Amino acid sequence: MSINGNADARSCIETKVAIDASITSNTTTNGVVVDLNGAISSIIGIDFSLTSRIDGTYTPLLAESSDNVTFTPVEDENITDANDNQTGQEAIAALSAVGSSELGYRLNKRYLRVSLVSTGVTTGAKAVVVVKYQRDLQK
């Protein structure tokens, strides 16, 4: 998914590390909240990576908010795969091997929180999630 198709002198690609964690139990690991104010991309790219893994499955969970207080799950129509072929739960693939996966979030609300729900974990994995989008430098 390319988000820099119309980049100009007043825009830049913004990247935010949402999760950088060693996950060693069955849990939900919440990432930091990303403020998408100033985003000019209609699709926000989200890169999920397992840089090392012993066991377990790690499923992405996306939540959005207008006020940075009340977060609700992102509706299926606002989640897409890297090729914009599938939406919603079809696009969310659990990470169960070292490597990466990419999702898209159709910009709907100002704040986005990415989480990983881990199951089947006895030893765990190292996970990194990065949110990237085109931002207007004037804002």
Protein backbone atom coordinates (compact mmCIF):
# COMPACT_ATOMS: atom_id res chain seq x y z
CA MET A 1 0.00 0.00 0.00
CA SER A 2 1.53 3.25 -1.07
CA ILE A 3 0.48 6.35 0.79
CA ASN A 4 2.84 8.85 -0.82
CA GLY A 5 1.32 9.03 -4.30
CA ASN A 6 0.64 12.77 -4.23
CA ALA A 7 3.31 13.99 -1.83
CA ASP A 8 4.34 17.59 -2.41
CA ALA A 9 6.50 20.22 -0.74
CA ARG A 10 3.89 20.80 1.98
CA SER A 11 3.47 17.18 2.99
CA CYS A 12 5.54 14.43 4.53
CA ILE A 13 5.20 10.78 5.42
CA GLU A 14 4.63 10.52 9.16
CA THR A 15 5.52 7.27 10.95
CA LYS A 16 4.60 6.40 14.53
CA VAL A 17 5.66 3.30 16.42
CA ALA A 18 2.43 2.10 18.01
CA ILE A 19 3.77 -1.12 19.57
CA ASP A 20 7.30 -2.27 20.29
CA ALA A 21 6.96 -5.09 22.79
CA SER A 22 7.99 -8.56 23.81
CA ILE A 23 4.75 -10.45 24.32
CA THR A 24 5.09 -13.42 26.65
CA SER A 25 1.50 -14.30 27.60
CA ASN A 26 -2.04 -14.61 26.30
CA THR A 27 -3.15 -11.00 26.53
CA THR A 28 -4.18 -7.89 24.64
CA THR A 29 -1.21 -5.59 24.11
CA ASN A 30 -2.50 -2.06 23.54
CA GLY A 31 -0.36 0.28 21.51
CA VAL A 32 -0.02 4.01 21.97
CA VAL A 33 -2.76 6.21 20.60
CA VAL A 34 -1.88 7.83 17.27
CA ASP A 35 -3.30 11.31 16.65
CA LEU A 36 -4.11 11.51 12.94
CA ASN A 37 -4.76 15.26 12.98
CA GLY A 38 -3.37 16.73 9.77
CA ALA A 39 -3.49 13.43 7.88
CA ILE A 40 -4.21 14.01 4.21
CA SER A 41 -4.16 10.35 3.26
CA SER A 42 -7.52 8.65 2.92
CA ILE A 43 -5.87 5.33 3.85
CA ILE A 44 -3.56 5.00 6.85
CA GLY A 45 -0.97 2.21 6.53
CA ILE A 46 -0.33 -0.09 9.48
CA ASP A 47 2.68 -2.43 9.36
CA PHE A 48 2.65 -5.40 11.76
CA SER A 49 5.92 -7.29 12.22
CA LEU A 50 7.07 -10.21 14.32
CA THR A 51 10.84 -9.85 14.49
CA SER A 52 11.24 -13.04 16.52
CA ARG A 53 8.74 -15.69 17.51
CA ILE A 54 8.80 -18.86 19.54
CA ASP A 55 5.08 -19.58 19.71
CA GLY A 56 1.62 -18.04 19.74
CA THR A 57 -0.70 -16.25 17.36
CA TYR A 58 -1.03 -12.44 17.31
CA THR A 59 -4.21 -10.92 15.88
CA PRO A 60 -4.48 -7.18 15.10
CA LEU A 61 -7.27 -5.19 16.71
CA LEU A 62 -8.02 -1.62 15.58
CA ALA A 63 -9.97 0.91 17.66
CA GLU A 64 -10.85 4.51 16.81
CA SER A 65 -11.98 7.58 18.72
CA SER A 66 -13.09 11.14 18.05
CA ASP A 67 -12.14 12.38 21.53
CA ASN A 68 -9.15 10.20 22.62
CA VAL A 69 -11.29 8.91 25.51
CA THR A 70 -13.89 6.51 24.15
CA PHE A 71 -12.51 3.94 21.71
CA THR A 72 -14.69 1.63 19.65
CA PRO A 73 -13.69 -1.16 17.26
CA VAL A 74 -13.10 0.05 13.71
CA GLU A 75 -16.02 -0.94 11.47
CA ASP A 76 -15.23 -3.61 8.87
CA GLU A 77 -15.71 -1.23 5.94
CA ASN A 78 -12.85 0.95 7.29
CA ILE A 79 -10.29 -1.90 7.38
CA THR A 80 -8.58 -3.05 4.19
CA ASP A 81 -5.70 -5.31 3.23
CA ALA A 82 -2.52 -4.03 1.63
CA ASN A 83 -3.94 -4.44 -1.89
CA ASP A 84 -7.38 -2.98 -1.06
CA ASN A 85 -8.92 -6.34 -2.09
CA GLN A 86 -10.45 -7.43 1.20
CA THR A 87 -12.08 -5.54 4.02
CA GLY A 88 -12.87 -6.11 7.67
CA GLN A 89 -12.21 -9.44 9.27
CA GLU A 90 -11.13 -10.95 5.92
CA ALA A 91 -8.24 -8.47 5.84
CA ILE A 92 -7.11 -9.11 9.41
CA ALA A 93 -4.73 -12.00 9.27
CA ALA A 94 -3.26 -13.36 12.46
CA LEU A 95 0.52 -13.21 12.61
CA SER A 96 1.87 -16.66 13.37
CA ALA A 97 5.36 -16.53 11.87
CA VAL A 98 8.32 -14.19 11.76
CA GLY A 99 7.60 -11.62 9.09
CA SER A 100 5.21 -8.79 8.44
CA SER A 101 1.69 -7.98 7.37
CA GLU A 102 0.07 -4.70 6.36
CA LEU A 103 -3.42 -3.35 6.93
CA GLY A 104 -5.07 -0.15 5.85
CA TYR A 105 -7.40 2.03 7.91
CA ARG A 106 -9.78 4.25 5.98
CA LEU A 107 -9.49 7.52 7.85
CA ASN A 108 -12.72 7.91 9.79
CA LYS A 109 -11.82 9.39 13.19
CA ARG A 110 -8.96 11.46 14.56
CA TYR A 111 -7.44 8.90 16.95
CA LEU A 112 -6.37 5.32 16.23
CA ARG A 113 -5.20 2.67 18.71
CA VAL A 114 -3.70 -0.58 17.46
CA SER A 115 -3.57 -3.65 19.68
CA LEU A 116 -2.41 -7.24 19.32
CA VAL A 117 -4.45 -10.06 20.86
CA SER A 118 -2.11 -12.95 21.63
CA THR A 119 -3.24 -16.57 22.08
CA GLY A 120 -1.40 -19.87 22.44
CA VAL A 121 1.60 -18.13 24.00
CA THR A 122 3.98 -19.94 26.33
CA THR A 123 7.24 -18.20 25.41
CA GLY A 124 6.12 -15.48 22.98
CA ALA A 125 7.37 -13.10 20.35
CA LYS A 126 8.78 -9.64 19.71
CA ALA A 127 6.24 -7.46 17.91
CA VAL A 128 6.55 -4.06 16.26
CA VAL A 129 3.62 -2.12 14.80
CA VAL A 130 4.16 1.09 12.83
CA VAL A 131 1.42 3.48 11.66
CA LYS A 132 2.26 5.59 8.60
CA TYR A 133 0.37 8.30 6.76
CA GLN A 134 0.79 11.39 4.67
CA ARG A 135 0.54 14.58 6.73
CA ASP A 136 0.12 18.23 5.76
CA LEU A 137 3.08 20.18 7.18
CA GLN A 138 0.93 23.33 7.38
CA LYS A 139 -1.11 21.84 10.27
